[in-house]
C-alpha atoms as a PDB file:
ATOM      1  CA  MET A   1     -15.876  15.438 -19.127  1.00  0.00           C
ATOM      2  CA  PHE A   2     -14.325  17.095 -16.089  1.00  0.00           C
ATOM      3  CA  ASP A   3     -14.712  13.741 -14.091  1.00  0.00           C
ATOM      4  CA  ILE A   4     -12.580  11.917 -16.418  1.00  0.00           C
ATOM      5  CA  ILE A   5      -9.664  14.433 -15.954  1.00  0.00           C
ATOM      6  CA  VAL A   6      -9.992  13.984 -12.076  1.00  0.00           C
ATOM      7  CA  TRP A   7      -9.684  10.496 -11.974  1.00  0.00           C
ATOM      8  CA  GLY A   8      -7.195  10.474 -14.997  1.00  0.00           C
ATOM      9  CA  GLY A   9      -4.799  12.772 -12.899  1.00  0.00           C
ATOM     10  CA  ALA A  10      -5.300  10.564  -9.553  1.00  0.00           C
ATOM     11  CA  ALA A  11      -4.423   7.987 -11.605  1.00  0.00           C
ATOM     12  CA  LEU A  12      -0.761   9.786 -13.149  1.00  0.00           C
ATOM     13  CA  SER A  13      -0.405  10.782  -8.806  1.00  0.00           C
ATOM     14  CA  LEU A  14      -0.790   6.970  -8.098  1.00  0.00           C
ATOM     15  CA  ALA A  15       1.472   5.811 -10.979  1.00  0.00           C
ATOM     16  CA  GLY A  16       4.012   8.554  -9.583  1.00  0.00           C
ATOM     17  CA  LEU A  17       3.818   7.281  -6.159  1.00  0.00           C
ATOM     18  CA  PHE A  18       4.265   3.693  -6.940  1.00  0.00           C
ATOM     19  CA  GLY A  19       7.557   4.751  -8.984  1.00  0.00           C
ATOM     20  CA  LEU A  20       8.717   6.916  -6.088  1.00  0.00           C
ATOM     21  CA  VAL A  21       8.369   4.095  -3.725  1.00  0.00           C
ATOM     22  CA  TRP A  22       9.886   1.845  -6.177  1.00  0.00           C
ATOM     23  CA  CYS A  23      12.916   4.061  -6.456  1.00  0.00           C
ATOM     24  CA  ILE A  24      13.344   4.216  -2.688  1.00  0.00           C
ATOM     25  CA  PHE A  25      13.232  -0.005  -2.188  1.00  0.00           C
ATOM     26  CA  ARG A  26      15.714   0.332  -4.768  1.00  0.00           C
ATOM     27  CA  VAL A  27      17.344   2.431  -2.934  1.00  0.00           C
ATOM     28  CA  MET A  28      16.814   0.692   0.466  1.00  0.00           C
ATOM     29  CA  LYS A  29      17.770  -2.183  -0.751  1.00  0.00           C
ATOM     30  CA  ALA A  30      21.391  -1.516  -2.622  1.00  0.00           C
ATOM     31  CA  ARG A  31      22.629   0.186   0.620  1.00  0.00           C
ATOM     32  CA  LYS A  32      21.951  -3.062   2.889  1.00  0.00           C
ATOM     33  CA  ALA A  33      23.816  -5.027   0.568  1.00  0.00           C
ATOM     34  CA  GLY A  34      26.531  -3.209   1.378  1.00  0.00           C
ATOM     35  CA  LEU A  35      27.844  -1.560  -1.876  1.00  0.00           C
ATOM     36  CA  SER A  36      31.021   0.210  -1.734  1.00  0.00           C
ATOM     37  CA  ASP A  37      31.378   3.761  -2.177  1.00  0.00           C
ATOM     38  CA  GLU A  38      31.340   3.973  -6.167  1.00  0.00           C
ATOM     39  CA  GLU A  39      29.091   0.799  -6.890  1.00  0.00           C
ATOM     40  CA  LEU A  40      26.204   2.722  -4.079  1.00  0.00           C
ATOM     41  CA  ARG A  41      26.419   6.074  -6.033  1.00  0.00           C
ATOM     42  CA  ALA A  42      26.351   4.119  -9.816  1.00  0.00           C
ATOM     43  CA  THR A  43      22.998   2.562  -7.741  1.00  0.00           C
ATOM     44  CA  VAL A  44      21.826   6.200  -7.064  1.00  0.00           C
ATOM     45  CA  GLN A  45      23.072   7.992 -10.232  1.00  0.00           C
ATOM     46  CA  GLY A  46      20.775   4.631 -12.334  1.00  0.00           C
ATOM     47  CA  VAL A  47      17.600   5.530 -10.661  1.00  0.00           C
ATOM     48  CA  LEU A  48      18.315   9.024 -10.451  1.00  0.00           C
ATOM     49  CA  PRO A  49      15.942   9.583 -13.157  1.00  0.00           C
ATOM     50  CA  TRP A  50      13.251   7.221 -13.063  1.00  0.00           C
ATOM     51  CA  ASN A  51      12.572   9.166  -9.608  1.00  0.00           C
ATOM     52  CA  LEU A  52      12.827  12.074 -11.180  1.00  0.00           C
ATOM     53  CA  ALA A  53      10.095  11.170 -13.767  1.00  0.00           C
ATOM     54  CA  SER A  54       8.092   9.685 -11.342  1.00  0.00           C
ATOM     55  CA  LEU A  55       8.572  13.009  -9.656  1.00  0.00           C
ATOM     56  CA  PHE A  56       6.861  14.471 -12.350  1.00  0.00           C
ATOM     57  CA  LEU A  57       4.573  12.416 -13.472  1.00  0.00           C
ATOM     58  CA  SER A  58       3.057  12.961 -10.010  1.00  0.00           C
ATOM     59  CA  VAL A  59       2.866  15.986 -10.455  1.00  0.00           C
ATOM     60  CA  LEU A  60       1.207  16.561 -13.457  1.00  0.00           C
ATOM     61  CA  GLY A  61      -1.248  14.178 -12.316  1.00  0.00           C
ATOM     62  CA  LEU A  62      -2.380  16.756  -9.454  1.00  0.00           C
ATOM     63  CA  MET A  63      -2.116  19.612 -11.566  1.00  0.00           C
ATOM     64  CA  LEU A  64      -4.876  17.084 -13.611  1.00  0.00           C
ATOM     65  CA  VAL A  65      -6.573  16.686 -10.639  1.00  0.00           C
ATOM     66  CA  ILE A  66      -6.708  20.423  -9.673  1.00  0.00           C
ATOM     67  CA  LEU A  67      -7.785  21.702 -13.230  1.00  0.00           C
ATOM     68  CA  GLY A  68     -10.324  19.257 -13.111  1.00  0.00           C
ATOM     69  CA  ILE A  69     -11.791  20.319  -9.808  1.00  0.00           C
ATOM     70  CA  SER A  70     -11.609  23.873 -10.864  1.00  0.00           C
ATOM     71  CA  PHE A  71     -13.301  23.492 -14.119  1.00  0.00           C
ATOM     72  CA  GLY A  72     -15.683  20.696 -12.949  1.00  0.00           C
END
């Protein structure tokens, strides 16, 4: 039972990590495109909710891993 929680948490953490990497690449691409200051700011503001959601997903997954290891 707790093995499922551990592996599910690991999957959530990896999904969050991939989301964070996607956010990094998206902002790097926008910076290299030579956008104006306002356009770059708009891009970063658009990526910010995805970044926070990915971070939350990763933290939630790590919490599940710790929970599964502690009780398992």
